[in-house]
Amino acid sequence: MPALNLRFTEEELDALRERAEAEGRSMQSIAHDAVVQAISQRSRLFEDAAAHVLKVSGELNRRLA
């Protein structure tokens, strides 16, 4: 599986380590899930914005067709 190296400040790495320990998970799984969630959220925001544009411009699109 492809890998990615990430750089953290000491404070960020300490926070990640604490979070992983608190959840009983690895730091890698916490970081992976955070990245996947960020990607999903961005896609969801784009889809929501596109749906909104289609909805509010529906009448204009009908008149222009």
N, C-alpha and C. Protein backbone atom coordinates (compact mmCIF):
# COMPACT_ATOMS: atom_id res chain seq x y z
N MET A 1 0.85 -1.17 0.00
CA MET A 1 0.00 0.00 0.00
C MET A 1 0.90 1.24 0.00
N PRO A 2 0.59 2.24 -0.82
CA PRO A 2 1.39 3.46 -0.83
C PRO A 2 1.37 4.15 0.54
N ALA A 3 2.44 4.89 0.83
CA ALA A 3 2.55 5.57 2.12
C ALA A 3 2.82 7.05 1.90
N LEU A 4 2.63 7.82 2.96
CA LEU A 4 2.84 9.26 2.93
C LEU A 4 3.50 9.66 4.23
N ASN A 5 4.57 10.42 4.15
CA ASN A 5 5.21 10.93 5.36
C ASN A 5 4.62 12.29 5.69
N LEU A 6 4.28 12.49 6.94
CA LEU A 6 3.73 13.77 7.40
C LEU A 6 4.68 14.37 8.42
N ARG A 7 4.72 15.69 8.45
CA ARG A 7 5.56 16.38 9.43
C ARG A 7 4.66 17.11 10.40
N PHE A 8 4.98 16.97 11.68
CA PHE A 8 4.24 17.61 12.75
C PHE A 8 5.20 18.38 13.64
N THR A 9 4.70 19.42 14.28
CA THR A 9 5.49 20.06 15.32
C THR A 9 5.51 19.12 16.52
N GLU A 10 6.39 19.38 17.45
CA GLU A 10 6.43 18.55 18.66
C GLU A 10 5.10 18.59 19.39
N GLU A 11 4.48 19.77 19.45
CA GLU A 11 3.20 19.91 20.13
C GLU A 11 2.10 19.11 19.43
N GLU A 12 2.08 19.17 18.10
CA GLU A 12 1.09 18.43 17.34
C GLU A 12 1.28 16.92 17.52
N LEU A 13 2.53 16.50 17.49
CA LEU A 13 2.83 15.08 17.65
C LEU A 13 2.46 14.60 19.05
N ASP A 14 2.72 15.42 20.05
CA ASP A 14 2.33 15.06 21.42
C ASP A 14 0.81 14.93 21.52
N ALA A 15 0.08 15.87 20.92
CA ALA A 15 -1.39 15.83 20.95
C ALA A 15 -1.90 14.58 20.23
N LEU A 16 -1.29 14.26 19.10
CA LEU A 16 -1.68 13.06 18.35
C LEU A 16 -1.41 11.80 19.18
N ARG A 17 -0.27 11.76 19.82
CA ARG A 17 0.09 10.61 20.65
C ARG A 17 -0.91 10.46 21.80
N GLU A 18 -1.25 11.56 22.45
CA GLU A 18 -2.20 11.52 23.55
C GLU A 18 -3.57 11.06 23.08
N ARG A 19 -4.00 11.55 21.94
CA ARG A 19 -5.30 11.17 21.39
C ARG A 19 -5.34 9.69 21.08
N ALA A 20 -4.27 9.19 20.45
CA ALA A 20 -4.19 7.78 20.10
C ALA A 20 -4.22 6.91 21.35
N GLU A 21 -3.48 7.31 22.37
CA GLU A 21 -3.48 6.54 23.61
C GLU A 21 -4.86 6.55 24.27
N ALA A 22 -5.51 7.71 24.26
CA ALA A 22 -6.83 7.83 24.89
C ALA A 22 -7.87 6.96 24.19
N GLU A 23 -7.72 6.81 22.87
CA GLU A 23 -8.69 6.03 22.09
C GLU A 23 -8.26 4.58 21.90
N GLY A 24 -7.05 4.26 22.37
CA GLY A 24 -6.56 2.89 22.20
C GLY A 24 -6.30 2.56 20.75
N ARG A 25 -5.86 3.53 20.01
CA ARG A 25 -5.59 3.35 18.58
C ARG A 25 -4.17 3.78 18.27
N SER A 26 -3.72 3.47 17.07
CA SER A 26 -2.39 3.91 16.65
C SER A 26 -2.45 5.35 16.15
N MET A 27 -1.32 6.03 16.23
CA MET A 27 -1.25 7.40 15.70
C MET A 27 -1.52 7.38 14.20
N GLN A 28 -1.05 6.35 13.53
CA GLN A 28 -1.26 6.23 12.09
C GLN A 28 -2.74 6.14 11.75
N SER A 29 -3.50 5.35 12.51
CA SER A 29 -4.92 5.21 12.20
C SER A 29 -5.68 6.51 12.48
N ILE A 30 -5.28 7.23 13.53
CA ILE A 30 -5.91 8.53 13.82
C ILE A 30 -5.64 9.50 12.67
N ALA A 31 -4.38 9.59 12.23
CA ALA A 31 -4.02 10.50 11.14
C ALA A 31 -4.72 10.10 9.84
N HIS A 32 -4.75 8.81 9.54
CA HIS A 32 -5.40 8.32 8.33
C HIS A 32 -6.88 8.70 8.31
N ASP A 33 -7.57 8.43 9.42
CA ASP A 33 -9.00 8.73 9.49
C ASP A 33 -9.26 10.23 9.36
N ALA A 34 -8.38 11.05 9.93
CA ALA A 34 -8.54 12.51 9.83
C ALA A 34 -8.42 12.98 8.38
N VAL A 35 -7.48 12.42 7.65
CA VAL A 35 -7.30 12.79 6.24
C VAL A 35 -8.49 12.34 5.40
N VAL A 36 -8.93 11.11 5.61
CA VAL A 36 -10.08 10.59 4.87
C VAL A 36 -11.33 11.42 5.16
N GLN A 37 -11.52 11.78 6.42
CA GLN A 37 -12.67 12.61 6.79
C GLN A 37 -12.59 13.98 6.12
N ALA A 38 -11.41 14.58 6.07
CA ALA A 38 -11.26 15.89 5.44
C ALA A 38 -11.58 15.81 3.94
N ILE A 39 -11.14 14.75 3.30
CA ILE A 39 -11.42 14.56 1.87
C ILE A 39 -12.92 14.39 1.65
N SER A 40 -13.55 13.57 2.46
CA SER A 40 -14.98 13.32 2.33
C SER A 40 -15.79 14.59 2.57
N GLN A 41 -15.39 15.35 3.58
CA GLN A 41 -16.11 16.59 3.90
C GLN A 41 -16.01 17.58 2.75
N ARG A 42 -14.84 17.68 2.15
CA ARG A 42 -14.66 18.60 1.02
C ARG A 42 -15.55 18.21 -0.15
N SER A 43 -15.62 16.93 -0.45
CA SER A 43 -16.48 16.45 -1.53
C SER A 43 -17.94 16.72 -1.21
N ARG A 44 -18.32 16.48 0.03
CA ARG A 44 -19.71 16.70 0.45
C ARG A 44 -20.07 18.18 0.36
N LEU A 45 -19.16 19.06 0.75
CA LEU A 45 -19.42 20.50 0.67
C LEU A 45 -19.59 20.93 -0.79
N PHE A 46 -18.76 20.38 -1.68
CA PHE A 46 -18.87 20.71 -3.10
C PHE A 46 -20.21 20.24 -3.65
N GLU A 47 -20.59 19.02 -3.32
CA GLU A 47 -21.87 18.48 -3.80
C GLU A 47 -23.05 19.29 -3.26
N ASP A 48 -22.97 19.71 -2.00
CA ASP A 48 -24.04 20.53 -1.43
C ASP A 48 -24.13 21.88 -2.14
N ALA A 49 -22.98 22.48 -2.43
CA ALA A 49 -22.96 23.77 -3.12
C ALA A 49 -23.51 23.63 -4.53
N ALA A 50 -23.13 22.58 -5.23
CA ALA A 50 -23.63 22.36 -6.59
C ALA A 50 -25.15 22.15 -6.58
N ALA A 51 -25.65 21.39 -5.63
CA ALA A 51 -27.09 21.17 -5.53
C ALA A 51 -27.81 22.48 -5.25
N HIS A 52 -27.24 23.31 -4.41
CA HIS A 52 -27.85 24.61 -4.11
C HIS A 52 -27.92 25.50 -5.35
N VAL A 53 -26.83 25.53 -6.10
CA VAL A 53 -26.79 26.35 -7.32
C VAL A 53 -27.84 25.86 -8.31
N LEU A 54 -27.93 24.55 -8.47
CA LEU A 54 -28.94 24.00 -9.39
C LEU A 54 -30.35 24.35 -8.93
N LYS A 55 -30.59 24.30 -7.64
CA LYS A 55 -31.91 24.59 -7.11
C LYS A 55 -32.29 26.05 -7.33
N VAL A 56 -31.40 26.97 -6.97
CA VAL A 56 -31.74 28.40 -7.06
C VAL A 56 -31.73 28.91 -8.50
N SER A 57 -31.05 28.21 -9.39
CA SER A 57 -31.02 28.67 -10.78
C SER A 57 -31.97 27.87 -11.66
N GLY A 58 -32.79 27.02 -11.06
CA GLY A 58 -33.70 26.17 -11.83
C GLY A 58 -34.63 26.95 -12.74
N GLU A 59 -35.26 27.98 -12.22
CA GLU A 59 -36.20 28.79 -13.03
C GLU A 59 -35.47 29.46 -14.17
N LEU A 60 -34.30 30.04 -13.90
CA LEU A 60 -33.53 30.70 -14.95
C LEU A 60 -33.14 29.68 -16.02
N ASN A 61 -32.72 28.51 -15.61
CA ASN A 61 -32.34 27.48 -16.59
C ASN A 61 -33.53 27.07 -17.45
N ARG A 62 -34.72 26.98 -16.86
CA ARG A 62 -35.92 26.63 -17.64
C ARG A 62 -36.21 27.74 -18.66
N ARG A 63 -36.07 28.98 -18.28
CA ARG A 63 -36.36 30.09 -19.20
C ARG A 63 -35.33 30.17 -20.31
N LEU A 64 -34.11 29.79 -20.03
CA LEU A 64 -33.04 29.87 -21.04
C LEU A 64 -33.06 28.66 -21.98
N ALA A 65 -33.72 27.60 -21.59
CA ALA A 65 -33.71 26.38 -22.41
C ALA A 65 -34.54 26.52 -23.65
